[in-house]
Structures are given as C-alpha cells and as structure tokens.
Amino acid sequence: MKKNVSICLAALVIMFAASVPSIAVQGSCPPKLVKGPDLVVTSIKVDKSDDKNVKVIYTVKNQGKTASDPSNTTIRMVSKKNKKDITALTNVTPSLDPGKSYTTEINYPIRAKGDFVFNATADYNKRIIESNESNNTNTVGFSIGLKIGK
C-alpha cells in the first residue's frame, strides 16, 4: 500500500513540476492525464454599417479535449496611432463542450476618427487551465474616417 501511495505522489509531483496543463482524473493511480480545454477566438469581424456604432462580432471555440467552465472574454479597442486602449469590454463566454463555439457581438459607440485594432482574448484572466494558453487572442484592424457620435 505504501509503495502505491509513493508512486501516486511521485507521478503527481512530476505532473505539476512539468507544468503540463492537464487534468488528473480523480481516483486513478498513477494519475490518468486528460488534456484540458483550449479556448481560442476563431474569428473577429467589424461591422460599421451603423453610423453611430461599430459592431464587433466574435467567436470563441473550445478546440480542447474536455469541456470548459464559463470564462471571460475581453474585447479591447486600441488606437494604432498611440497604442492606447480606447475602451475595453468583457463578456461572459458560457461553458463549451469540446469542438463547440459561441458567437456574440458587442457595440462600441463611434467617438473618434482614425485607425484602430480590436483585440479579442478568450479567458483573458486565465481562470481556465488550458492545454494551450498562448493562442487565446485574435485581432482585426479597421478605420473610421468621420467623427460621428459624442
């Protein structure tokens, strides 16, 4: 019995020391590792058809092997000229089964002219342990030629 406990502890230490973003299945010894969820922003589009708002439509997909818990996705509007955030909004992304996607939209009021970038980052506050933490952001650029709105 002591030998099995030692093997399990050693396997857990190796798993955490290697910083493998995997999940140990409860009750298995040695621990059975399962790759976690992998949230990515697969698309981000800008619709400027309304002259008072810019509509941002984005899709978050779980391309991992396990379901994800609900998470937060942030969408930042950044000026290309001075690289400063104009505004940032956060939306809740619901829990996603493997291979499933969630598409939604956000409206930003048009307040200035210029060149901008929208950055959408899934799980921006890193609450979900993912199998890949480096692929969460997608970006789209756009221009506004007229100053409209307040």
Protein backbone atom coordinates (compact mmCIF):
# COMPACT_ATOMS: atom_id res chain seq x y z
CA MET A 1 0.00 0.00 0.00
CA LYS A 2 2.79 2.46 0.89
CA LYS A 3 4.50 1.72 -2.43
CA ASN A 4 1.33 2.59 -4.41
CA VAL A 5 0.87 5.85 -2.47
CA SER A 6 4.51 6.77 -3.12
CA ILE A 7 4.13 6.06 -6.84
CA CYS A 8 0.99 8.20 -6.99
CA LEU A 9 2.64 11.08 -5.16
CA ALA A 10 5.70 10.86 -7.38
CA ALA A 11 3.54 10.91 -10.51
CA LEU A 12 1.63 13.97 -9.24
CA VAL A 13 4.89 15.79 -8.42
CA ILE A 14 6.21 15.08 -11.91
CA MET A 15 2.95 16.25 -13.48
CA PHE A 16 2.98 19.58 -11.60
CA ALA A 17 6.72 20.10 -11.95
CA ALA A 18 6.46 19.72 -15.70
CA SER A 19 3.67 22.36 -15.73
CA VAL A 20 1.68 20.18 -18.07
CA PRO A 21 -1.73 21.78 -18.48
CA SER A 22 -3.59 18.54 -17.95
CA ILE A 23 -6.17 17.30 -15.54
CA ALA A 24 -5.65 14.29 -13.30
CA VAL A 25 -8.69 12.03 -13.27
CA GLN A 26 -9.80 11.59 -9.68
CA GLY A 27 -9.19 8.15 -8.19
CA SER A 28 -6.74 6.91 -10.80
CA CYS A 29 -3.28 5.84 -9.77
CA PRO A 30 -0.96 6.54 -11.38
CA PRO A 31 -2.92 9.66 -12.35
CA LYS A 32 -4.54 9.48 -15.76
CA LEU A 33 -3.86 12.75 -17.56
CA VAL A 34 -6.50 14.26 -19.80
CA LYS A 35 -5.75 17.29 -21.96
CA GLY A 36 -7.80 20.27 -20.83
CA PRO A 37 -9.95 22.69 -22.77
CA ASP A 38 -8.36 25.07 -25.29
CA LEU A 39 -10.27 28.32 -25.84
CA VAL A 40 -9.45 30.32 -28.97
CA VAL A 41 -11.04 33.31 -30.69
CA THR A 42 -11.54 31.79 -34.14
CA SER A 43 -12.95 34.91 -35.78
CA ILE A 44 -13.44 38.59 -35.12
CA LYS A 45 -15.24 40.89 -37.56
CA VAL A 46 -16.12 44.57 -37.57
CA ASP A 47 -19.41 45.88 -38.98
CA LYS A 48 -19.52 49.67 -39.48
CA SER A 49 -22.92 49.76 -41.23
CA ASP A 50 -24.44 51.79 -38.37
CA ASP A 51 -23.07 55.37 -38.32
CA LYS A 52 -23.23 55.61 -34.53
CA ASN A 53 -21.70 52.28 -33.50
CA VAL A 54 -19.10 49.79 -34.54
CA LYS A 55 -20.38 46.23 -34.12
CA VAL A 56 -17.77 43.61 -33.23
CA ILE A 57 -18.79 40.01 -33.88
CA TYR A 58 -16.52 37.33 -32.48
CA THR A 59 -16.47 33.57 -31.99
CA VAL A 60 -14.81 31.62 -29.17
CA LYS A 61 -14.23 27.91 -29.76
CA ASN A 62 -13.13 25.15 -27.40
CA GLN A 63 -10.70 23.16 -29.51
CA GLY A 64 -9.55 21.16 -26.50
CA LYS A 65 -10.37 17.63 -25.36
CA THR A 66 -12.53 18.49 -22.32
CA ALA A 67 -15.38 20.90 -21.60
CA SER A 68 -14.55 24.38 -20.33
CA ASP A 69 -16.19 26.19 -17.48
CA PRO A 70 -17.71 29.61 -18.19
CA SER A 71 -14.97 32.18 -18.81
CA ASN A 72 -14.46 35.86 -19.56
CA THR A 73 -13.59 37.22 -22.99
CA THR A 74 -12.34 40.79 -23.26
CA ILE A 75 -12.53 42.94 -26.37
CA ARG A 76 -10.16 45.91 -26.42
CA MET A 77 -10.32 48.78 -28.90
CA VAL A 78 -6.80 50.14 -29.34
CA SER A 79 -5.64 53.21 -31.28
CA LYS A 80 -2.99 52.31 -33.87
CA LYS A 81 -1.56 55.83 -33.59
CA ASN A 82 -0.62 55.84 -29.90
CA LYS A 83 -1.23 52.16 -28.97
CA LYS A 84 -3.53 53.22 -26.12
CA ASP A 85 -6.73 51.45 -25.19
CA ILE A 86 -9.77 53.45 -26.20
CA THR A 87 -12.14 51.12 -24.40
CA ALA A 88 -12.37 47.55 -23.18
CA LEU A 89 -15.43 45.44 -22.55
CA THR A 90 -15.77 41.98 -21.05
CA ASN A 91 -18.35 39.35 -21.94
CA VAL A 92 -19.06 36.03 -20.30
CA THR A 93 -18.46 33.04 -22.55
CA PRO A 94 -20.59 30.10 -21.45
CA SER A 95 -19.15 26.68 -20.76
CA LEU A 96 -18.22 24.98 -24.03
CA ASP A 97 -18.01 21.27 -24.81
CA PRO A 98 -15.07 20.13 -26.97
CA GLY A 99 -15.47 21.34 -30.56
CA LYS A 100 -18.29 23.77 -29.68
CA SER A 101 -18.30 27.51 -30.41
CA TYR A 102 -20.02 30.62 -29.05
CA THR A 103 -20.63 33.68 -31.23
CA THR A 104 -21.78 37.05 -29.92
CA GLU A 105 -21.48 40.74 -30.65
CA ILE A 106 -20.65 43.98 -28.87
CA ASN A 107 -21.49 47.52 -29.97
CA TYR A 108 -18.97 50.32 -29.44
CA PRO A 109 -20.08 53.95 -29.87
CA ILE A 110 -18.09 55.82 -32.54
CA ARG A 111 -16.36 58.74 -30.84
CA ALA A 112 -13.29 59.49 -32.96
CA LYS A 113 -11.78 59.05 -36.39
CA GLY A 114 -8.60 57.12 -37.11
CA ASP A 115 -7.13 53.65 -37.37
CA PHE A 116 -7.94 51.13 -34.67
CA VAL A 117 -7.50 47.49 -33.72
CA PHE A 118 -9.90 45.24 -31.85
CA ASN A 119 -8.22 42.51 -29.77
CA ALA A 120 -10.47 39.71 -28.53
CA THR A 121 -8.92 37.50 -25.84
CA ALA A 122 -10.66 34.36 -24.61
CA ASP A 123 -10.18 33.57 -20.91
CA TYR A 124 -8.29 36.87 -20.55
CA ASN A 125 -7.93 36.48 -16.77
CA LYS A 126 -6.62 32.89 -17.12
CA ARG A 127 -9.22 31.26 -14.86
CA ILE A 128 -9.39 28.15 -17.08
CA ILE A 129 -6.45 25.73 -17.07
CA GLU A 130 -6.00 25.19 -20.80
CA SER A 131 -3.92 22.78 -22.82
CA ASN A 132 -2.55 25.82 -24.72
CA GLU A 133 -2.50 29.25 -23.07
CA SER A 134 -0.71 31.03 -25.95
CA ASN A 135 -3.47 31.04 -28.60
CA ASN A 136 -6.28 32.96 -26.89
CA THR A 137 -6.16 36.26 -28.85
CA ASN A 138 -7.32 37.30 -32.30
CA THR A 139 -7.08 40.78 -33.81
CA VAL A 140 -8.77 42.79 -36.56
CA GLY A 141 -7.91 46.30 -37.76
CA PHE A 142 -10.32 48.94 -39.10
CA SER A 143 -10.55 52.64 -39.87
CA ILE A 144 -13.13 55.29 -39.12
CA GLY A 145 -12.98 58.29 -41.46
CA LEU A 146 -15.54 60.61 -39.87
CA LYS A 147 -16.09 61.80 -36.34
CA ILE A 148 -19.61 60.67 -35.51
CA GLY A 149 -21.35 60.49 -32.16
CA LYS A 150 -20.47 62.12 -28.87
